[in-house]
Amino acid sequence: MCGIIGYVGTQAATEVLLSGLEKLEYRGYDSAGIATIWEGELNCIRAKGKLHKLRSKIEKSENPSPIGIGHTRWATHGKPDEHNAHPHMDMTKRIAVVQNGIIENYRELREQLKAQGNEFISETDTEVVPHLIAQFFKEENILAGDDKGSDNVLLEAVLRATNKLQGAFALAVICADYPYELIAIRQQAPLVIGFGQGEFFCASDTPAIISHTRAVLPLENGEIARLTPLGVEVYNFAGARQRKQLKILKFSPTVVEKQGFKHFMLKEIYEQPQVVRACLDAYFNSEENNKTVSPINLDLSGDLYKDLEQIQIVACGTSWHAALVGKYLIEQLSNIPTQVYYASEFRYAPAPMTANTLTIGVTQSGETADTLAALSIEKERRQGKGIKYQARLMGITNRPESTLGYMVPHIINTLAGIEIGVAATKTFTAQLMAFYALALDLATRQQTIPFNRLEEIIDSLHNIPGEIESSLENQKN
């Protein structure tokens, strides 16, 4: 997992990129780097280690360039070192690329490019990309300084290179011969475009850009975007222009600040009481002693539960552990058999298909590749299998504007706000609240517990925020 950011606009790009990378450093801190274009030249600065080392190197030079890309790295291919740090460039140092993800066929591409005379200086998979783009310019005999007019030559070059790549990746590309263009690509790795006033952004996650804009466009898999100071154009990998609709994030820029806490993890630990209260307010109706009104408010279609015989949950990491608790709650309260699967295993070896089954994907970000792939496989294999086997898909996520929100028709929003700390705290707690609400909703519809028992459980849930606050107060003492 790495973090990438790109900017084109009117500000000096360097500080925009550095401040954005600081918000993305949770995605990797083995090394970092930025590339900008100024006076016709590509300027690339990289550093091993945490981001402050890159900032120290950059502060020694002044660069007012209004366009650039940045990267913070968690090493996958090649050891953590400066020569493996992003951005990576072609041999002429005219093209720079940053990547989040893995290019699975990079060894094959690397050997082909070496045979064509290309030299490599890193052990990374990413370095094949600028060489592939440069190869297009060479094949088309496009020289630096040519009058390229309004043709999307850089876009076409990046698109041709992208279509040779296999894997899950997000890319940002700049070229010194096109000093006002930034190309962003998404394929099975998160990437969002941000819209400002005469300036545009791309980033692995919204915390990197929320201090500049709340108008965003999450790219979908197989999409490529061209960002210039005049606007954003989005195409699919076949080169067809796409019509897209912006989303307005509800997050305030203050949520990505530490607000006096030593680090983000501690801040998010102390946010748990307010997160639980937000879940209680959203999931449970306030009408008291009214047995004609369901106390659960998840706004889910009744067809989702009709003749329901089984539930299967796919998740990874912390979400998988929350799902284990969810399995216990669902089975104990609603008597519906429930299984939990590692999404990384389910996508390659799905469980036997059963009738009248609800499949739930749990992912904090809504962008976990294995979980999304597992849900996609479940949807595809049930197509045309009849009404009993039709796909019933639901997501539990903290980011309903994510890919998961587009993929499944039913979402439970965990309402935890932006998570920056690497170790899940408030988001894990919020997932447990979502599972409590789902289990109680199922129990109500299945009539597996009496109403007075339902009220007792909900009353107990309302005591949780105060208990957490007491516990945290004791830690101070």
Protein backbone atom coordinates (compact mmCIF):
# COMPACT_ATOMS: atom_id res chain seq x y z
CA MET A 1 0.00 0.00 0.00
CA CYS A 2 1.37 3.41 -1.03
CA GLY A 3 0.03 6.93 -1.25
CA ILE A 4 0.04 9.10 -4.39
CA ILE A 5 -0.99 12.69 -5.03
CA GLY A 6 -0.99 14.99 -8.05
CA TYR A 7 -1.66 18.70 -8.56
CA VAL A 8 -2.09 21.13 -11.43
CA GLY A 9 -3.24 24.70 -10.90
CA THR A 10 -2.01 28.12 -9.85
CA GLN A 11 -0.25 27.44 -6.54
CA ALA A 12 3.32 26.25 -6.12
CA ALA A 13 2.84 22.49 -6.33
CA THR A 14 5.61 21.51 -3.91
CA GLU A 15 3.85 22.51 -0.68
CA VAL A 16 0.50 21.14 -1.91
CA LEU A 17 2.17 17.80 -2.59
CA LEU A 18 4.10 17.67 0.68
CA SER A 19 1.10 18.58 2.84
CA GLY A 20 -0.97 15.99 0.96
CA LEU A 21 1.68 13.32 1.48
CA GLU A 22 1.67 14.08 5.20
CA LYS A 23 -2.01 13.10 5.23
CA LEU A 24 -1.17 9.92 3.29
CA GLU A 25 1.92 8.85 5.22
CA TYR A 26 -0.14 6.20 6.99
CA ARG A 27 -0.09 4.41 3.60
CA GLY A 28 3.71 4.09 3.65
CA TYR A 29 6.82 5.68 5.10
CA ASP A 30 9.79 3.71 3.71
CA SER A 31 10.61 6.54 1.29
CA ALA A 32 8.98 9.47 -0.48
CA GLY A 33 9.46 11.77 -3.44
CA ILE A 34 7.97 14.43 -5.69
CA ALA A 35 8.43 15.47 -9.33
CA THR A 36 7.58 18.87 -10.79
CA ILE A 37 8.05 20.64 -14.12
CA TRP A 38 9.75 24.04 -14.27
CA GLU A 39 11.33 25.90 -17.20
CA GLY A 40 10.96 22.88 -19.46
CA GLU A 41 12.74 20.46 -17.15
CA LEU A 42 11.55 17.64 -14.90
CA ASN A 43 12.72 18.08 -11.31
CA CYS A 44 12.62 14.94 -9.18
CA ILE A 45 13.59 14.83 -5.50
CA ARG A 46 13.44 11.61 -3.47
CA ALA A 47 14.50 10.54 0.00
CA LYS A 48 14.72 7.34 2.00
CA GLY A 49 12.82 7.20 5.27
CA LYS A 50 9.99 9.27 6.65
CA LEU A 51 8.55 12.32 4.98
CA HIS A 52 10.45 14.92 7.04
CA LYS A 53 13.65 13.80 5.30
CA LEU A 54 12.14 14.63 1.91
CA ARG A 55 10.95 17.99 3.21
CA SER A 56 14.48 18.80 4.43
CA LYS A 57 15.91 18.13 0.97
CA ILE A 58 13.22 20.15 -0.80
CA GLU A 59 13.61 23.18 1.48
CA LYS A 60 17.13 23.67 0.11
CA SER A 61 15.75 24.71 -3.29
CA GLU A 62 13.00 27.05 -4.51
CA ASN A 63 10.60 25.71 -7.13
CA PRO A 64 7.42 27.63 -8.07
CA SER A 65 6.20 24.94 -10.47
CA PRO A 66 2.37 24.77 -10.60
CA ILE A 67 2.25 21.05 -11.49
CA GLY A 68 3.62 17.92 -9.87
CA ILE A 69 3.15 14.43 -8.49
CA GLY A 70 4.15 12.90 -5.16
CA HIS A 71 4.47 9.50 -3.51
CA THR A 72 4.97 7.92 -0.10
CA ARG A 73 6.08 4.30 -0.28
CA TRP A 74 5.56 1.00 1.46
CA ALA A 75 8.11 -1.21 -0.25
CA THR A 76 6.86 -4.19 -2.28
CA HIS A 77 9.32 -4.62 -5.17
CA GLY A 78 12.83 -3.58 -4.17
CA LYS A 79 14.20 -2.67 -0.74
CA PRO A 80 13.43 0.66 0.92
CA ASP A 81 16.08 2.91 -0.62
CA GLU A 82 16.30 6.18 -2.51
CA HIS A 83 16.90 4.57 -5.91
CA ASN A 84 13.68 2.57 -5.45
CA ALA A 85 11.68 5.58 -4.27
CA HIS A 86 9.05 7.14 -6.53
CA PRO A 87 8.65 9.04 -8.82
CA HIS A 88 10.34 6.94 -11.51
CA MET A 89 11.49 8.37 -14.82
CA ASP A 90 12.33 7.27 -18.34
CA MET A 91 15.91 7.36 -19.67
CA THR A 92 15.57 10.90 -21.01
CA LYS A 93 14.18 12.15 -17.69
CA ARG A 94 11.19 13.73 -19.45
CA ILE A 95 8.45 11.48 -18.01
CA ALA A 96 7.73 10.83 -14.31
CA VAL A 97 5.34 8.29 -12.80
CA VAL A 98 4.07 7.41 -9.32
CA GLN A 99 2.12 4.25 -8.56
CA ASN A 100 0.04 2.66 -5.84
CA GLY A 101 -0.43 -1.04 -6.46
CA ILE A 102 1.32 -3.90 -8.20
CA ILE A 103 2.04 -4.48 -11.90
CA GLU A 104 1.95 -8.25 -12.12
CA ASN A 105 3.58 -8.62 -15.56
CA TYR A 106 6.41 -6.16 -14.93
CA ARG A 107 9.18 -8.78 -15.31
CA GLU A 108 8.06 -9.66 -18.82
CA LEU A 109 7.72 -5.98 -19.75
CA ARG A 110 11.10 -5.19 -18.20
CA GLU A 111 12.86 -7.81 -20.33
CA GLN A 112 11.14 -6.54 -23.49
CA LEU A 113 12.15 -2.96 -22.73
CA LYS A 114 15.74 -3.98 -21.96
CA ALA A 115 15.92 -5.73 -25.33
CA GLN A 116 14.89 -2.41 -26.91
CA GLY A 117 17.80 -0.61 -25.22
CA ASN A 118 16.14 0.74 -22.09
CA GLU A 119 18.22 0.85 -18.90
CA PHE A 120 16.72 0.44 -15.42
CA ILE A 121 18.07 1.88 -12.16
CA SER A 122 15.59 0.40 -9.67
CA GLU A 123 14.16 -2.99 -8.74
CA THR A 124 10.58 -1.71 -8.75
CA ASP A 125 7.69 -2.76 -10.95
CA THR A 126 6.74 0.90 -11.49
CA GLU A 127 9.80 1.81 -13.53
CA VAL A 128 8.51 -0.07 -16.57
CA VAL A 129 5.69 2.50 -16.94
CA PRO A 130 7.71 5.62 -17.90
CA HIS A 131 9.78 3.48 -20.29
CA LEU A 132 6.61 2.17 -21.95
CA ILE A 133 5.26 5.72 -22.34
CA ALA A 134 8.58 6.91 -23.75
CA GLN A 135 8.55 3.98 -26.18
CA PHE A 136 5.30 5.30 -27.65
CA PHE A 137 6.86 8.71 -28.28
CA LYS A 138 9.84 7.00 -29.91
CA GLU A 139 7.68 4.82 -32.14
CA GLU A 140 5.57 7.80 -33.21
CA ASN A 141 8.70 9.94 -33.73
CA ILE A 142 7.33 12.73 -31.52
CA LEU A 143 10.14 15.06 -30.56
CA ALA A 144 10.36 17.47 -27.65
CA GLY A 145 9.34 20.93 -28.76
CA ASP A 146 7.03 19.79 -31.57
CA ASP A 147 3.86 21.82 -32.02
CA LYS A 148 1.37 19.35 -30.60
CA GLY A 149 -1.60 21.70 -30.62
CA SER A 150 -4.62 20.47 -28.70
CA ASP A 151 -4.10 16.77 -29.47
CA ASN A 152 -4.18 14.46 -26.47
CA VAL A 153 -0.78 12.99 -27.30
CA LEU A 154 0.30 12.43 -23.70
CA LEU A 155 -3.08 10.93 -22.84
CA GLU A 156 -2.81 8.57 -25.81
CA ALA A 157 0.72 7.56 -24.86
CA VAL A 158 -0.25 6.80 -21.26
CA LEU A 159 -3.35 4.94 -22.43
CA ARG A 160 -1.30 2.71 -24.74
CA ALA A 161 1.13 1.95 -21.94
CA THR A 162 -1.68 1.26 -19.47
CA ASN A 163 -3.29 -1.27 -21.80
CA LYS A 164 -0.09 -3.34 -21.62
CA LEU A 165 -0.17 -3.52 -17.83
CA GLN A 166 -1.67 -6.32 -15.76
CA GLY A 167 -2.45 -6.03 -12.07
CA ALA A 168 -4.08 -3.66 -9.60
CA PHE A 169 -2.71 -0.14 -9.76
CA ALA A 170 -3.32 3.61 -9.69
CA LEU A 171 -0.93 5.90 -11.57
CA ALA A 172 -0.20 9.60 -11.91
CA VAL A 173 1.98 10.80 -14.80
CA ILE A 174 3.55 14.08 -15.88
CA CYS A 175 5.80 14.88 -18.86
CA ALA A 176 8.17 17.84 -19.28
CA ASP A 177 6.99 18.28 -22.90
CA TYR A 178 3.40 18.77 -21.67
CA PRO A 179 3.90 21.09 -18.68
CA TYR A 180 0.20 21.74 -18.06
CA GLU A 181 -1.13 18.17 -18.13
CA LEU A 182 -1.46 15.55 -15.42
CA ILE A 183 -2.72 12.07 -16.31
CA ALA A 184 -4.35 9.87 -13.62
CA ILE A 185 -5.28 6.20 -14.06
CA ARG A 186 -7.23 3.78 -11.91
CA GLN A 187 -7.31 0.00 -12.20
CA GLN A 188 -8.30 -1.90 -9.05
CA ALA A 189 -6.65 0.64 -6.71
CA PRO A 190 -8.30 3.73 -5.18
CA LEU A 191 -7.91 7.13 -6.84
CA VAL A 192 -10.02 10.24 -6.42
CA ILE A 193 -10.02 13.49 -8.42
CA GLY A 194 -10.49 16.80 -6.56
CA PHE A 195 -11.99 19.95 -8.13
CA GLY A 196 -10.89 23.41 -6.99
CA GLN A 197 -11.03 26.92 -8.46
CA GLY A 198 -8.67 26.71 -11.44
CA GLU A 199 -6.81 23.84 -9.79
CA PHE A 200 -7.28 20.09 -9.75
CA PHE A 201 -5.97 17.21 -7.68
CA CYS A 202 -5.70 13.44 -7.68
CA ALA A 203 -4.94 11.34 -4.61
CA SER A 204 -5.15 7.84 -3.17
CA ASP A 205 -7.50 9.08 -0.47
CA THR A 206 -9.51 12.20 0.30
CA PRO A 207 -7.57 13.31 3.43
CA ALA A 208 -4.79 14.44 1.10
CA ILE A 209 -6.99 17.02 -0.63
CA ILE A 210 -9.86 17.84 1.74
CA SER A 211 -8.13 21.01 2.96
CA HIS A 212 -8.35 22.32 -0.63
CA THR A 213 -11.71 21.03 -1.85
CA ARG A 214 -14.68 18.87 -0.92
CA ALA A 215 -15.84 18.42 -4.53
CA VAL A 216 -14.51 15.04 -5.63
CA LEU A 217 -14.88 12.44 -8.34
CA PRO A 218 -13.81 8.88 -7.45
CA LEU A 219 -12.47 7.26 -10.62
CA GLU A 220 -13.85 3.84 -11.44
CA ASN A 221 -11.81 0.84 -12.52
CA GLY A 222 -10.64 1.14 -16.10
CA GLU A 223 -10.77 4.95 -16.21
CA ILE A 224 -8.11 7.51 -17.13
CA ALA A 225 -8.35 11.25 -16.46
CA ARG A 226 -6.59 14.24 -18.04
CA LEU A 227 -6.19 17.16 -15.64
CA THR A 228 -5.25 20.65 -16.87
CA PRO A 229 -5.80 24.14 -15.39
CA LEU A 230 -8.89 24.32 -17.62
CA GLY A 231 -10.64 21.21 -16.29
CA VAL A 232 -10.83 17.42 -16.14
CA GLU A 233 -11.63 14.93 -18.90
CA VAL A 234 -12.36 11.27 -18.07
CA TYR A 235 -12.07 8.39 -20.55
CA ASN A 236 -12.31 4.61 -20.36
CA PHE A 237 -9.41 2.40 -21.40
CA ALA A 238 -10.92 2.16 -24.90
CA GLY A 239 -10.52 5.93 -25.22
CA ALA A 240 -14.23 6.81 -25.04
CA ARG A 241 -15.13 10.02 -23.16
CA GLN A 242 -17.13 9.43 -19.97
CA ARG A 243 -19.82 11.54 -18.34
CA LYS A 244 -19.30 11.80 -14.61
CA GLN A 245 -21.00 13.44 -11.65
CA LEU A 246 -19.18 15.10 -8.75
CA LYS A 247 -19.74 14.26 -5.10
CA ILE A 248 -19.53 16.74 -2.24
CA LEU A 249 -17.81 15.33 0.82
CA LYS A 250 -19.39 16.15 4.17
CA PHE A 251 -16.09 15.97 6.01
CA SER A 252 -14.66 19.17 7.46
CA PRO A 253 -10.94 19.90 6.93
CA THR A 254 -10.50 19.84 10.71
CA VAL A 255 -11.08 16.06 10.79
CA VAL A 256 -7.65 15.51 9.24
CA GLU A 257 -5.89 17.56 11.93
CA LYS A 258 -4.54 16.13 15.19
CA GLN A 259 -6.37 18.77 17.25
CA GLY A 260 -3.83 18.70 20.07
CA PHE A 261 -3.38 14.92 20.26
CA LYS A 262 0.10 13.42 20.00
CA HIS A 263 -0.86 11.31 16.98
CA PHE A 264 -3.91 10.40 14.91
CA MET A 265 -4.39 7.00 16.51
CA LEU A 266 -4.79 8.59 19.94
CA LYS A 267 -7.19 11.18 18.52
CA GLU A 268 -9.31 8.45 16.96
CA ILE A 269 -9.36 6.43 20.18
CA TYR A 270 -10.87 9.44 21.94
CA GLU A 271 -13.39 9.92 19.13
CA GLN A 272 -15.02 6.55 19.85
CA PRO A 273 -17.77 7.84 22.19
CA GLN A 274 -19.03 10.38 19.64
CA VAL A 275 -18.86 7.76 16.87
CA VAL A 276 -20.96 5.33 18.90
CA ARG A 277 -23.47 8.11 19.61
CA ALA A 278 -23.67 8.89 15.89
CA CYS A 279 -24.41 5.22 15.19
CA LEU A 280 -27.06 5.06 17.91
CA ASP A 281 -28.78 8.16 16.56
CA ALA A 282 -28.72 6.84 13.00
CA TYR A 283 -29.55 3.17 13.55
CA PHE A 284 -32.24 3.32 16.24
CA ASN A 285 -35.56 5.15 16.23
CA SER A 286 -36.31 7.42 19.18
CA GLU A 287 -39.98 6.45 19.66
CA GLU A 288 -40.30 4.92 23.12
CA ASN A 289 -42.68 2.15 24.12
CA ASN A 290 -44.23 1.95 20.67
CA LYS A 291 -44.34 -1.66 19.61
CA THR A 292 -45.91 -0.77 16.27
CA VAL A 293 -42.73 1.04 15.15
CA SER A 294 -39.53 -0.91 14.55
CA PRO A 295 -36.77 0.44 16.76
CA ILE A 296 -34.21 -0.30 14.02
CA ASN A 297 -33.64 2.24 11.27
CA LEU A 298 -31.30 0.83 8.63
CA ASP A 299 -33.48 1.76 5.66
CA LEU A 300 -32.98 -1.66 4.03
CA SER A 301 -35.41 -3.21 1.58
CA GLY A 302 -37.58 -6.02 2.87
CA ASP A 303 -36.75 -8.02 -0.28
CA LEU A 304 -33.18 -8.28 1.00
CA TYR A 305 -34.43 -10.44 3.89
CA LYS A 306 -37.22 -12.36 2.12
CA ASP A 307 -36.90 -16.13 2.64
CA LEU A 308 -33.34 -15.53 3.87
CA GLU A 309 -31.65 -18.81 4.81
CA GLN A 310 -27.97 -17.97 5.13
CA ILE A 311 -25.50 -15.08 5.40
CA GLN A 312 -21.90 -15.00 4.28
CA ILE A 313 -19.47 -12.20 5.12
CA VAL A 314 -16.26 -11.37 3.22
CA ALA A 315 -13.64 -9.09 4.73
CA CYS A 316 -9.93 -8.58 5.38
CA GLY A 317 -7.82 -7.59 8.38
CA THR A 318 -9.61 -5.67 11.11
CA SER A 319 -12.90 -5.87 9.23
CA TRP A 320 -12.59 -9.67 9.26
CA HIS A 321 -12.33 -9.59 13.06
CA ALA A 322 -15.38 -7.32 13.28
CA ALA A 323 -17.18 -9.80 11.02
CA LEU A 324 -16.47 -12.61 13.49
CA VAL A 325 -18.31 -10.64 16.15
CA GLY A 326 -21.04 -9.94 13.59
CA LYS A 327 -21.43 -13.66 12.92
CA TYR A 328 -21.93 -14.30 16.63
CA LEU A 329 -24.52 -11.53 16.98
CA ILE A 330 -26.49 -12.54 13.88
CA GLU A 331 -26.63 -16.20 14.80
CA GLN A 332 -27.44 -15.63 18.48
CA LEU A 333 -30.13 -13.01 17.87
CA SER A 334 -31.71 -14.06 14.56
CA ASN A 335 -30.85 -17.77 14.28
CA ILE A 336 -29.60 -17.31 10.70
CA PRO A 337 -26.50 -19.45 9.91
CA THR A 338 -23.60 -17.13 9.11
CA GLN A 339 -20.12 -17.76 7.74
CA VAL A 340 -17.13 -15.41 7.63
CA TYR A 341 -14.52 -15.70 4.87
CA TYR A 342 -11.20 -14.06 4.17
CA ALA A 343 -11.95 -12.07 1.02
CA SER A 344 -8.48 -12.87 -0.33
CA GLU A 345 -9.34 -16.58 -0.23
CA PHE A 346 -12.99 -16.27 -1.28
CA ARG A 347 -12.07 -14.46 -4.51
CA TYR A 348 -10.03 -17.47 -5.65
CA ALA A 349 -12.00 -20.27 -3.99
CA PRO A 350 -15.59 -19.14 -3.26
CA ALA A 351 -17.77 -21.18 -0.96
CA PRO A 352 -20.38 -23.55 -2.47
CA MET A 353 -23.31 -21.52 -3.76
CA THR A 354 -26.37 -21.72 -1.53
CA ALA A 355 -29.92 -20.50 -2.07
CA ASN A 356 -31.42 -17.37 -0.49
CA THR A 357 -28.05 -16.10 0.71
CA LEU A 358 -27.10 -12.56 1.69
CA THR A 359 -23.45 -11.66 1.02
CA ILE A 360 -21.99 -8.80 3.07
CA GLY A 361 -18.71 -7.08 2.24
CA VAL A 362 -17.06 -5.25 5.14
CA THR A 363 -14.36 -2.68 4.40
CA GLN A 364 -13.60 0.56 6.25
CA SER A 365 -12.41 2.39 3.13
CA GLY A 366 -14.80 0.77 0.67
CA GLU A 367 -11.74 0.22 -1.53
CA THR A 368 -10.25 -3.05 -0.25
CA ALA A 369 -9.36 -4.84 -3.49
CA ASP A 370 -9.87 -8.42 -2.27
CA THR A 371 -13.26 -7.61 -0.73
CA LEU A 372 -14.47 -5.84 -3.86
CA ALA A 373 -13.25 -8.73 -6.02
CA ALA A 374 -15.02 -11.27 -3.80
CA LEU A 375 -18.31 -9.38 -4.10
CA SER A 376 -17.89 -9.06 -7.86
CA ILE A 377 -17.28 -12.80 -8.21
CA GLU A 378 -20.32 -13.58 -6.08
CA LYS A 379 -22.49 -11.32 -8.26
CA GLU A 380 -21.20 -12.80 -11.53
CA ARG A 381 -21.50 -16.45 -10.57
CA ARG A 382 -25.13 -16.03 -9.47
CA GLN A 383 -26.33 -14.35 -12.66
CA GLY A 384 -28.93 -16.42 -14.47
CA LYS A 385 -29.18 -19.01 -11.69
CA GLY A 386 -32.82 -18.32 -10.81
CA ILE A 387 -34.63 -16.33 -8.16
CA LYS A 388 -33.47 -18.50 -5.25
CA TYR A 389 -29.83 -17.98 -6.20
CA GLN A 390 -29.92 -14.33 -7.24
CA ALA A 391 -27.21 -12.15 -5.71
CA ARG A 392 -28.16 -10.27 -2.55
CA LEU A 393 -25.29 -7.89 -1.79
CA MET A 394 -24.75 -5.50 1.09
CA GLY A 395 -21.80 -3.41 2.23
CA ILE A 396 -20.71 -2.17 5.63
CA THR A 397 -18.31 0.75 5.20
CA ASN A 398 -17.16 4.05 6.56
CA ARG A 399 -17.03 5.54 3.05
CA PRO A 400 -20.35 5.20 1.19
CA GLU A 401 -18.93 7.38 -1.63
CA SER A 402 -16.34 4.66 -2.33
CA THR A 403 -16.26 1.91 -4.96
CA LEU A 404 -18.22 -0.35 -2.60
CA GLY A 405 -21.01 2.24 -2.57
CA TYR A 406 -21.26 1.98 -6.35
CA MET A 407 -20.99 -1.79 -6.40
CA VAL A 408 -23.70 -2.93 -3.98
CA PRO A 409 -27.31 -1.72 -3.71
CA HIS A 410 -27.45 -1.71 0.10
CA ILE A 411 -25.01 0.08 2.41
CA ILE A 412 -24.73 0.45 6.17
CA ASN A 413 -22.69 3.61 6.79
CA THR A 414 -20.59 3.25 9.94
CA LEU A 415 -20.37 7.04 10.34
CA ALA A 416 -16.89 7.04 11.88
CA GLY A 417 -15.45 9.92 9.86
CA ILE A 418 -12.07 9.87 8.17
CA GLU A 419 -9.63 7.34 9.62
CA ILE A 420 -5.93 8.22 9.36
CA GLY A 421 -4.36 6.08 12.08
CA VAL A 422 -2.95 2.82 10.71
CA ALA A 423 -4.40 0.66 13.46
CA ALA A 424 -8.21 0.71 13.38
CA THR A 425 -9.82 2.05 16.55
CA LYS A 426 -13.02 4.04 16.10
CA THR A 427 -13.76 2.33 12.77
CA PHE A 428 -13.64 -1.13 14.35
CA THR A 429 -16.00 0.02 17.10
CA ALA A 430 -18.33 1.53 14.48
CA GLN A 431 -18.38 -1.74 12.53
CA LEU A 432 -19.45 -3.57 15.68
CA MET A 433 -22.30 -1.08 16.11
CA ALA A 434 -23.36 -1.69 12.52
CA PHE A 435 -23.43 -5.43 13.12
CA TYR A 436 -25.48 -4.95 16.30
CA ALA A 437 -28.03 -2.94 14.33
CA LEU A 438 -28.12 -5.49 11.51
CA ALA A 439 -28.49 -8.43 13.90
CA LEU A 440 -31.31 -6.70 15.79
CA ASP A 441 -33.03 -5.73 12.55
CA LEU A 442 -32.93 -9.34 11.39
CA ALA A 443 -34.15 -10.54 14.77
CA THR A 444 -37.06 -8.10 14.65
CA ARG A 445 -38.13 -9.22 11.19
CA GLN A 446 -37.58 -12.91 11.99
CA GLN A 447 -39.35 -12.47 15.34
CA THR A 448 -36.67 -14.47 17.09
CA ILE A 449 -36.50 -12.34 20.25
CA PRO A 450 -39.31 -10.72 22.29
CA PHE A 451 -39.78 -6.96 22.10
CA ASN A 452 -38.83 -6.39 25.75
CA ARG A 453 -35.50 -8.19 25.17
CA LEU A 454 -34.89 -6.01 22.11
CA GLU A 455 -35.46 -2.90 24.20
CA GLU A 456 -33.06 -4.16 26.89
CA ILE A 457 -30.27 -4.63 24.35
CA ILE A 458 -30.82 -1.20 22.81
CA ASP A 459 -30.85 0.42 26.25
CA SER A 460 -27.55 -1.30 27.03
CA LEU A 461 -26.06 -0.05 23.77
CA HIS A 462 -26.92 3.51 24.77
CA ASN A 463 -24.73 3.07 27.86
CA ILE A 464 -21.62 2.33 25.77
CA PRO A 465 -20.50 5.93 25.01
CA GLY A 466 -20.46 6.84 28.71
CA GLU A 467 -18.57 3.64 29.60
CA ILE A 468 -15.92 4.41 26.96
CA GLU A 469 -15.57 7.96 28.24
CA SER A 470 -15.10 6.69 31.81
CA SER A 471 -12.44 4.28 30.67
CA LEU A 472 -10.58 6.97 28.73
CA GLU A 473 -10.80 9.36 31.67
CA ASN A 474 -9.20 6.73 33.88
CA GLN A 475 -6.32 6.45 31.44
CA LYS A 476 -5.57 10.16 31.94
CA ASN A 477 -5.38 9.61 35.67
